[in-house]
């Protein structure tokens, strides 16, 4: 059953993720409440090339997206009423675990603070999936995740085309492969209402920064790691080229 425009609008808390990157302000990294509007501003010169605000925000965004889309995939594997929805869930779990590993690998190298929780907006999506049952769950999952992945797809391309930072470029390559796979998986469910999804992607209402900003992690808090549940196979699932920077010590999964 196609998700209605009103349902998408409500669950989406008034907006789509295409506006998230430009609006993202992360106080723990900037020391201020609002990020500069100049996303091309270089905020650090690293051994892998200059790091801009857009680069930094992209790494934070990819990490934040995985913190709700990975768990959404686990829900799909358990609650999906069709094989296609359950398979889409498997792709979400595997793909975002791979992206998460890359984010955790490069963030210390680039001195980027990454969140341990998704944004309030993203948490709202996850809570919706938790409360859904039956075919309503299938429809909401397919349409909401088709919107979110479709909205970020063009941003990935822009980052890939403009960044001068090698590690960010590698993450964009990987994200491109994973996000395209997830778009295709949502479409394979046969539940995507393209007219409504396209409307949401092209006319997203704006959200306050508090809704699209991940909570700042507590000082000294261990880094939460997305993991693949035991027994879930990664066979046949694109995870993209991983980053090649030396792996730092990782904190065991928490939460």
C-alpha atoms as a PDB file:
ATOM      1  CA  UNK A   1       0.000   0.000   0.000  1.00  0.00           C
ATOM      2  CA  UNK A   2       1.618   3.319  -1.044  1.00  0.00           C
ATOM      3  CA  UNK A   3       2.395   5.699   1.767  1.00  0.00           C
ATOM      4  CA  UNK A   4       0.331   8.877   1.675  1.00  0.00           C
ATOM      5  CA  UNK A   5       1.798  12.334   1.268  1.00  0.00           C
ATOM      6  CA  UNK A   6       0.489  13.295   4.700  1.00  0.00           C
ATOM      7  CA  UNK A   7       2.155  10.292   6.298  1.00  0.00           C
ATOM      8  CA  UNK A   8       5.488  11.050   4.682  1.00  0.00           C
ATOM      9  CA  UNK A   9       5.190  14.666   5.716  1.00  0.00           C
ATOM     10  CA  UNK A  10       4.437  13.745   9.320  1.00  0.00           C
ATOM     11  CA  UNK A  11       7.110  11.097   9.655  1.00  0.00           C
ATOM     12  CA  UNK A  12       9.578  13.285   7.883  1.00  0.00           C
ATOM     13  CA  UNK A  13       9.041  15.932  10.547  1.00  0.00           C
ATOM     14  CA  UNK A  14       8.570  18.488   7.845  1.00  0.00           C
ATOM     15  CA  UNK A  15      11.630  17.884   5.696  1.00  0.00           C
ATOM     16  CA  UNK A  16      13.903  15.655   3.663  1.00  0.00           C
ATOM     17  CA  UNK A  17      17.547  14.866   4.147  1.00  0.00           C
ATOM     18  CA  UNK A  18      18.618  16.916   1.153  1.00  0.00           C
ATOM     19  CA  UNK A  19      18.591  19.962   3.418  1.00  0.00           C
ATOM     20  CA  UNK A  20      20.466  18.279   6.249  1.00  0.00           C
ATOM     21  CA  UNK A  21      23.997  18.691   4.981  1.00  0.00           C
ATOM     22  CA  UNK A  22      23.688  22.417   4.345  1.00  0.00           C
ATOM     23  CA  UNK A  23      21.940  23.030   7.660  1.00  0.00           C
ATOM     24  CA  UNK A  24      24.123  20.800   9.808  1.00  0.00           C
ATOM     25  CA  UNK A  25      25.802  22.533  12.736  1.00  0.00           C
ATOM     26  CA  UNK A  26      27.883  20.475  15.124  1.00  0.00           C
ATOM     27  CA  UNK A  27      28.779  22.643  18.133  1.00  0.00           C
ATOM     28  CA  UNK A  28      31.434  20.324  19.568  1.00  0.00           C
ATOM     29  CA  UNK A  29      33.502  20.773  16.441  1.00  0.00           C
ATOM     30  CA  UNK A  30      32.831  24.414  15.692  1.00  0.00           C
ATOM     31  CA  UNK A  31      32.573  25.853  19.174  1.00  0.00           C
ATOM     32  CA  UNK A  32      29.503  27.811  18.052  1.00  0.00           C
ATOM     33  CA  UNK A  33      25.835  27.073  17.633  1.00  0.00           C
ATOM     34  CA  UNK A  34      25.617  27.680  13.887  1.00  0.00           C
ATOM     35  CA  UNK A  35      27.925  26.533  11.124  1.00  0.00           C
ATOM     36  CA  UNK A  36      29.240  28.976   8.575  1.00  0.00           C
ATOM     37  CA  UNK A  37      27.149  29.212   5.436  1.00  0.00           C
ATOM     38  CA  UNK A  38      30.362  28.877   3.410  1.00  0.00           C
ATOM     39  CA  UNK A  39      30.574  25.112   3.014  1.00  0.00           C
ATOM     40  CA  UNK A  40      33.743  25.445   0.931  1.00  0.00           C
ATOM     41  CA  UNK A  41      35.643  27.103   3.778  1.00  0.00           C
ATOM     42  CA  UNK A  42      38.772  25.117   4.654  1.00  0.00           C
ATOM     43  CA  UNK A  43      38.696  24.265   8.357  1.00  0.00           C
ATOM     44  CA  UNK A  44      41.865  22.156   8.467  1.00  0.00           C
ATOM     45  CA  UNK A  45      44.833  21.223   6.331  1.00  0.00           C
ATOM     46  CA  UNK A  46      45.511  17.511   6.691  1.00  0.00           C
ATOM     47  CA  UNK A  47      48.041  15.078   5.236  1.00  0.00           C
ATOM     48  CA  UNK A  48      45.216  13.855   2.957  1.00  0.00           C
ATOM     49  CA  UNK A  49      44.397  17.331   1.645  1.00  0.00           C
ATOM     50  CA  UNK A  50      42.359  20.305   2.834  1.00  0.00           C
ATOM     51  CA  UNK A  51      39.203  19.587   4.815  1.00  0.00           C
ATOM     52  CA  UNK A  52      36.230  21.869   4.197  1.00  0.00           C
ATOM     53  CA  UNK A  53      33.078  22.347   6.220  1.00  0.00           C
ATOM     54  CA  UNK A  54      31.173  20.368   3.601  1.00  0.00           C
ATOM     55  CA  UNK A  55      33.700  17.526   3.873  1.00  0.00           C
ATOM     56  CA  UNK A  56      33.458  17.435   7.652  1.00  0.00           C
ATOM     57  CA  UNK A  57      29.665  17.593   7.610  1.00  0.00           C
ATOM     58  CA  UNK A  58      29.540  14.765   5.085  1.00  0.00           C
ATOM     59  CA  UNK A  59      31.475  12.421   7.366  1.00  0.00           C
ATOM     60  CA  UNK A  60      29.174  13.321  10.270  1.00  0.00           C
ATOM     61  CA  UNK A  61      26.117  12.842   8.072  1.00  0.00           C
ATOM     62  CA  UNK A  62      27.149   9.387   6.850  1.00  0.00           C
ATOM     63  CA  UNK A  63      27.780   8.298  10.422  1.00  0.00           C
ATOM     64  CA  UNK A  64      24.466   9.733  11.645  1.00  0.00           C
ATOM     65  CA  UNK A  65      22.520   8.120   8.802  1.00  0.00           C
ATOM     66  CA  UNK A  66      23.873   4.705   9.671  1.00  0.00           C
ATOM     67  CA  UNK A  67      22.867   5.055  13.310  1.00  0.00           C
ATOM     68  CA  UNK A  68      19.185   4.900  12.337  1.00  0.00           C
ATOM     69  CA  UNK A  69      19.215   3.142   8.978  1.00  0.00           C
ATOM     70  CA  UNK A  70      21.236   0.190  10.272  1.00  0.00           C
ATOM     71  CA  UNK A  71      18.690  -0.497  13.062  1.00  0.00           C
ATOM     72  CA  UNK A  72      15.890   0.087  10.535  1.00  0.00           C
ATOM     73  CA  UNK A  73      17.379  -2.704   8.467  1.00  0.00           C
ATOM     74  CA  UNK A  74      17.326  -5.039  11.455  1.00  0.00           C
ATOM     75  CA  UNK A  75      13.652  -4.206  11.985  1.00  0.00           C
ATOM     76  CA  UNK A  76      12.949  -4.930   8.320  1.00  0.00           C
ATOM     77  CA  UNK A  77      14.581  -8.336   8.593  1.00  0.00           C
ATOM     78  CA  UNK A  78      12.307  -9.167  11.546  1.00  0.00           C
ATOM     79  CA  UNK A  79       9.053  -7.349  10.697  1.00  0.00           C
ATOM     80  CA  UNK A  80       8.950  -7.305   6.898  1.00  0.00           C
ATOM     81  CA  UNK A  81       5.966  -9.214   5.548  1.00  0.00           C
ATOM     82  CA  UNK A  82       7.575  -9.932   2.167  1.00  0.00           C
ATOM     83  CA  UNK A  83      10.872 -11.465   1.131  1.00  0.00           C
ATOM     84  CA  UNK A  84      11.765  -8.263  -0.757  1.00  0.00           C
ATOM     85  CA  UNK A  85      11.376  -6.084   2.346  1.00  0.00           C
ATOM     86  CA  UNK A  86      13.403  -8.500   4.454  1.00  0.00           C
ATOM     87  CA  UNK A  87      16.116  -8.584   1.784  1.00  0.00           C
ATOM     88  CA  UNK A  88      16.160  -4.779   1.681  1.00  0.00           C
ATOM     89  CA  UNK A  89      16.728  -4.890   5.430  1.00  0.00           C
ATOM     90  CA  UNK A  90      19.729  -7.171   4.996  1.00  0.00           C
ATOM     91  CA  UNK A  91      21.236  -4.730   2.505  1.00  0.00           C
ATOM     92  CA  UNK A  92      20.705  -1.843   4.936  1.00  0.00           C
ATOM     93  CA  UNK A  93      22.400  -3.682   7.776  1.00  0.00           C
ATOM     94  CA  UNK A  94      25.433  -4.778   5.755  1.00  0.00           C
ATOM     95  CA  UNK A  95      25.874  -1.545   3.828  1.00  0.00           C
ATOM     96  CA  UNK A  96      25.674   0.785   6.791  1.00  0.00           C
ATOM     97  CA  UNK A  97      27.949  -1.381   8.921  1.00  0.00           C
ATOM     98  CA  UNK A  98      30.581  -1.010   6.180  1.00  0.00           C
ATOM     99  CA  UNK A  99      30.108   2.755   5.924  1.00  0.00           C
ATOM    100  CA  UNK A 100      30.170   3.061   9.706  1.00  0.00           C
ATOM    101  CA  UNK A 101      33.505   1.246   9.873  1.00  0.00           C
ATOM    102  CA  UNK A 102      34.937   3.716   7.363  1.00  0.00           C
ATOM    103  CA  UNK A 103      33.597   6.727   9.281  1.00  0.00           C
ATOM    104  CA  UNK A 104      35.076   5.444  12.538  1.00  0.00           C
ATOM    105  CA  UNK A 105      38.363   4.814  10.759  1.00  0.00           C
ATOM    106  CA  UNK A 106      38.826   8.236   9.158  1.00  0.00           C
ATOM    107  CA  UNK A 107      37.242  10.479  11.798  1.00  0.00           C
ATOM    108  CA  UNK A 108      40.241  10.359  14.182  1.00  0.00           C
ATOM    109  CA  UNK A 109      42.619  10.933  11.273  1.00  0.00           C
ATOM    110  CA  UNK A 110      40.727  14.075  10.269  1.00  0.00           C
ATOM    111  CA  UNK A 111      40.029  15.190  13.856  1.00  0.00           C
ATOM    112  CA  UNK A 112      36.275  14.936  13.311  1.00  0.00           C
ATOM    113  CA  UNK A 113      33.972  14.282  16.242  1.00  0.00           C
ATOM    114  CA  UNK A 114      31.301  11.804  15.182  1.00  0.00           C
ATOM    115  CA  UNK A 115      27.956  11.293  16.929  1.00  0.00           C
ATOM    116  CA  UNK A 116      26.801   8.251  18.869  1.00  0.00           C
ATOM    117  CA  UNK A 117      23.114   8.935  18.259  1.00  0.00           C
ATOM    118  CA  UNK A 118      21.069   9.905  15.202  1.00  0.00           C
ATOM    119  CA  UNK A 119      19.397  13.293  14.892  1.00  0.00           C
ATOM    120  CA  UNK A 120      15.959  13.836  16.493  1.00  0.00           C
ATOM    121  CA  UNK A 121      14.470  13.737  12.992  1.00  0.00           C
ATOM    122  CA  UNK A 122      16.115  10.416  12.240  1.00  0.00           C
ATOM    123  CA  UNK A 123      15.127   9.007  15.615  1.00  0.00           C
ATOM    124  CA  UNK A 124      11.542   9.893  14.729  1.00  0.00           C
ATOM    125  CA  UNK A 125      11.780   7.774  11.596  1.00  0.00           C
ATOM    126  CA  UNK A 126      13.094   4.850  13.611  1.00  0.00           C
ATOM    127  CA  UNK A 127      10.359   5.159  16.232  1.00  0.00           C
ATOM    128  CA  UNK A 128       7.769   5.144  13.437  1.00  0.00           C
ATOM    129  CA  UNK A 129       9.162   1.870  12.124  1.00  0.00           C
ATOM    130  CA  UNK A 130       9.148   0.376  15.604  1.00  0.00           C
ATOM    131  CA  UNK A 131       5.454   1.178  16.069  1.00  0.00           C
ATOM    132  CA  UNK A 132       4.376   0.083  12.572  1.00  0.00           C
ATOM    133  CA  UNK A 133       2.976  -3.379  11.952  1.00  0.00           C
ATOM    134  CA  UNK A 134       2.179  -5.529   8.938  1.00  0.00           C
ATOM    135  CA  UNK A 135       2.003  -4.017   5.483  1.00  0.00           C
ATOM    136  CA  UNK A 136       2.062  -0.490   6.929  1.00  0.00           C
ATOM    137  CA  UNK A 137       5.592  -1.176   8.124  1.00  0.00           C
ATOM    138  CA  UNK A 138       6.580  -2.419   4.658  1.00  0.00           C
ATOM    139  CA  UNK A 139       5.172   0.666   2.936  1.00  0.00           C
ATOM    140  CA  UNK A 140       6.610   3.195   5.370  1.00  0.00           C
ATOM    141  CA  UNK A 141      10.041   1.609   5.284  1.00  0.00           C
ATOM    142  CA  UNK A 142      10.203   1.472   1.486  1.00  0.00           C
ATOM    143  CA  UNK A 143       8.986   5.023   0.917  1.00  0.00           C
ATOM    144  CA  UNK A 144      10.745   6.842   3.730  1.00  0.00           C
ATOM    145  CA  UNK A 145      14.067   5.180   3.006  1.00  0.00           C
ATOM    146  CA  UNK A 146      13.645   5.762  -0.725  1.00  0.00           C
ATOM    147  CA  UNK A 147      13.220   9.471   0.013  1.00  0.00           C
ATOM    148  CA  UNK A 148      16.180   9.690   2.386  1.00  0.00           C
ATOM    149  CA  UNK A 149      18.540   7.802   0.101  1.00  0.00           C
ATOM    150  CA  UNK A 150      17.359   9.642  -2.993  1.00  0.00           C
ATOM    151  CA  UNK A 151      17.809  12.981  -1.257  1.00  0.00           C
ATOM    152  CA  UNK A 152      21.433  12.358  -0.319  1.00  0.00           C
ATOM    153  CA  UNK A 153      22.437  10.798  -3.634  1.00  0.00           C
ATOM    154  CA  UNK A 154      23.103  14.123  -5.359  1.00  0.00           C
ATOM    155  CA  UNK A 155      25.013  15.383  -2.319  1.00  0.00           C
ATOM    156  CA  UNK A 156      27.345  12.404  -2.498  1.00  0.00           C
ATOM    157  CA  UNK A 157      28.050  13.246  -6.141  1.00  0.00           C
ATOM    158  CA  UNK A 158      28.797  16.870  -5.286  1.00  0.00           C
ATOM    159  CA  UNK A 159      31.182  15.923  -2.485  1.00  0.00           C
ATOM    160  CA  UNK A 160      32.912  13.412  -4.751  1.00  0.00           C
ATOM    161  CA  UNK A 161      33.291  16.036  -7.486  1.00  0.00           C
ATOM    162  CA  UNK A 162      34.554  18.860  -5.288  1.00  0.00           C
ATOM    163  CA  UNK A 163      36.484  17.502  -2.303  1.00  0.00           C
ATOM    164  CA  UNK A 164      40.260  17.745  -2.324  1.00  0.00           C
ATOM    165  CA  UNK A 165      40.577  15.409   0.635  1.00  0.00           C
ATOM    166  CA  UNK A 166      41.533  11.844  -0.270  1.00  0.00           C
ATOM    167  CA  UNK A 167      39.794  10.191   2.682  1.00  0.00           C
ATOM    168  CA  UNK A 168      36.554  12.080   2.119  1.00  0.00           C
ATOM    169  CA  UNK A 169      36.721  11.209  -1.581  1.00  0.00           C
ATOM    170  CA  UNK A 170      37.083   7.515  -0.718  1.00  0.00           C
ATOM    171  CA  UNK A 171      34.116   7.706   1.648  1.00  0.00           C
ATOM    172  CA  UNK A 172      32.041   9.352  -1.087  1.00  0.00           C
ATOM    173  CA  UNK A 173      32.974   6.541  -3.502  1.00  0.00           C
ATOM    174  CA  UNK A 174      31.858   3.966  -0.959  1.00  0.00           C
ATOM    175  CA  UNK A 175      28.678   5.863  -0.063  1.00  0.00           C
ATOM    176  CA  UNK A 176      27.768   6.148  -3.736  1.00  0.00           C
ATOM    177  CA  UNK A 177      27.860   2.360  -4.162  1.00  0.00           C
ATOM    178  CA  UNK A 178      25.987   1.638  -0.939  1.00  0.00           C
ATOM    179  CA  UNK A 179      23.295   4.288  -1.340  1.00  0.00           C
ATOM    180  CA  UNK A 180      22.591   3.318  -4.948  1.00  0.00           C
ATOM    181  CA  UNK A 181      22.183  -0.290  -3.826  1.00  0.00           C
ATOM    182  CA  UNK A 182      19.741   0.773  -1.111  1.00  0.00           C
ATOM    183  CA  UNK A 183      17.728   2.866  -3.560  1.00  0.00           C
ATOM    184  CA  UNK A 184      17.443  -0.159  -5.815  1.00  0.00           C
ATOM    185  CA  UNK A 185      16.418  -2.389  -2.914  1.00  0.00           C
ATOM    186  CA  UNK A 186      13.609  -0.037  -1.890  1.00  0.00           C
ATOM    187  CA  UNK A 187      12.358   0.010  -5.475  1.00  0.00           C
ATOM    188  CA  UNK A 188      12.478  -3.790  -5.686  1.00  0.00           C
ATOM    189  CA  UNK A 189       9.896  -4.001  -2.906  1.00  0.00           C
ATOM    190  CA  UNK A 190       7.311  -2.725  -5.411  1.00  0.00           C
ATOM    191  CA  UNK A 191       5.958  -0.366  -2.749  1.00  0.00           C
ATOM    192  CA  UNK A 192       7.559   2.942  -3.717  1.00  0.00           C
ATOM    193  CA  UNK A 193       5.094   5.660  -4.724  1.00  0.00           C
ATOM    194  CA  UNK A 194       7.349   7.595  -7.088  1.00  0.00           C
ATOM    195  CA  UNK A 195       5.099  10.635  -7.467  1.00  0.00           C
ATOM    196  CA  UNK A 196       4.972  11.200  -3.731  1.00  0.00           C
ATOM    197  CA  UNK A 197       8.651  10.383  -3.207  1.00  0.00           C
ATOM    198  CA  UNK A 198       9.706  12.789  -5.964  1.00  0.00           C
ATOM    199  CA  UNK A 199       7.536  15.504  -4.447  1.00  0.00           C
ATOM    200  CA  UNK A 200       9.223  15.043  -1.069  1.00  0.00           C
ATOM    201  CA  UNK A 201      12.690  15.106  -2.589  1.00  0.00           C
ATOM    202  CA  UNK A 202      12.116  18.233  -4.679  1.00  0.00           C
ATOM    203  CA  UNK A 203      10.033  20.326  -2.251  1.00  0.00           C
ATOM    204  CA  UNK A 204      11.337  19.595   1.244  1.00  0.00           C
ATOM    205  CA  UNK A 205      10.182  21.940   4.012  1.00  0.00           C
ATOM    206  CA  UNK A 206      13.005  23.354   6.107  1.00  0.00           C
ATOM    207  CA  UNK A 207      13.693  22.100   9.614  1.00  0.00           C
ATOM    208  CA  UNK A 208      15.236  23.837  12.623  1.00  0.00           C
ATOM    209  CA  UNK A 209      18.862  22.877  13.152  1.00  0.00           C
ATOM    210  CA  UNK A 210      17.929  21.160  16.417  1.00  0.00           C
ATOM    211  CA  UNK A 211      16.023  18.524  14.428  1.00  0.00           C
ATOM    212  CA  UNK A 212      18.853  17.727  12.020  1.00  0.00           C
ATOM    213  CA  UNK A 213      21.836  17.972  14.378  1.00  0.00           C
ATOM    214  CA  UNK A 214      23.082  14.801  16.056  1.00  0.00           C
ATOM    215  CA  UNK A 215      23.481  15.041  19.838  1.00  0.00           C
ATOM    216  CA  UNK A 216      27.027  15.800  20.922  1.00  0.00           C
ATOM    217  CA  UNK A 217      28.617  12.695  22.485  1.00  0.00           C
ATOM    218  CA  UNK A 218      29.553  12.898  26.136  1.00  0.00           C
ATOM    219  CA  UNK A 219      33.268  13.492  26.762  1.00  0.00           C
ATOM    220  CA  UNK A 220      35.059  10.183  27.031  1.00  0.00           C
ATOM    221  CA  UNK A 221      32.054   8.176  25.864  1.00  0.00           C
ATOM    222  CA  UNK A 222      33.033   5.040  23.923  1.00  0.00           C
ATOM    223  CA  UNK A 223      32.288   5.148  20.221  1.00  0.00           C
ATOM    224  CA  UNK A 224      29.225   3.092  19.312  1.00  0.00           C
ATOM    225  CA  UNK A 225      29.967   0.716  16.441  1.00  0.00           C
ATOM    226  CA  UNK A 226      27.384  -0.671  14.053  1.00  0.00           C
ATOM    227  CA  UNK A 227      27.772  -4.424  13.858  1.00  0.00           C
ATOM    228  CA  UNK A 228      26.196  -7.125  11.715  1.00  0.00           C
ATOM    229  CA  UNK A 229      24.017  -9.555  13.690  1.00  0.00           C
ATOM    230  CA  UNK A 230      25.378 -13.067  13.935  1.00  0.00           C
ATOM    231  CA  UNK A 231      24.349 -15.250  11.035  1.00  0.00           C
ATOM    232  CA  UNK A 232      23.520 -12.426   8.602  1.00  0.00           C
ATOM    233  CA  UNK A 233      25.349 -13.056   5.345  1.00  0.00           C
ATOM    234  CA  UNK A 234      26.940 -10.261   3.327  1.00  0.00           C
ATOM    235  CA  UNK A 235      26.943 -12.347   0.159  1.00  0.00           C
ATOM    236  CA  UNK A 236      25.987 -10.387  -2.927  1.00  0.00           C
ATOM    237  CA  UNK A 237      25.707  -7.029  -1.152  1.00  0.00           C
ATOM    238  CA  UNK A 238      27.759  -4.065  -2.475  1.00  0.00           C
ATOM    239  CA  UNK A 239      29.728  -2.347   0.271  1.00  0.00           C
ATOM    240  CA  UNK A 240      31.932  -0.186  -1.935  1.00  0.00           C
ATOM    241  CA  UNK A 241      35.683   0.382  -1.689  1.00  0.00           C
ATOM    242  CA  UNK A 242      36.676   0.952   1.915  1.00  0.00           C
ATOM    243  CA  UNK A 243      39.064   3.675   3.010  1.00  0.00           C
ATOM    244  CA  UNK A 244      42.742   2.764   3.084  1.00  0.00           C
ATOM    245  CA  UNK A 245      44.031   4.832   5.985  1.00  0.00           C
ATOM    246  CA  UNK A 246      45.638   2.740   8.773  1.00  0.00           C
ATOM    247  CA  UNK A 247      42.970   1.462  11.142  1.00  0.00           C
ATOM    248  CA  UNK A 248      43.016   3.183  14.550  1.00  0.00           C
ATOM    249  CA  UNK A 249      42.135   1.315  17.717  1.00  0.00           C
ATOM    250  CA  UNK A 250      38.375   0.890  17.878  1.00  0.00           C
ATOM    251  CA  UNK A 251      36.231   0.876  20.964  1.00  0.00           C
ATOM    252  CA  UNK A 252      34.028  -2.204  21.413  1.00  0.00           C
ATOM    253  CA  UNK A 253      30.361  -1.843  20.533  1.00  0.00           C
ATOM    254  CA  UNK A 254      28.247  -0.156  23.190  1.00  0.00           C
ATOM    255  CA  UNK A 255      24.627   0.730  23.574  1.00  0.00           C
END
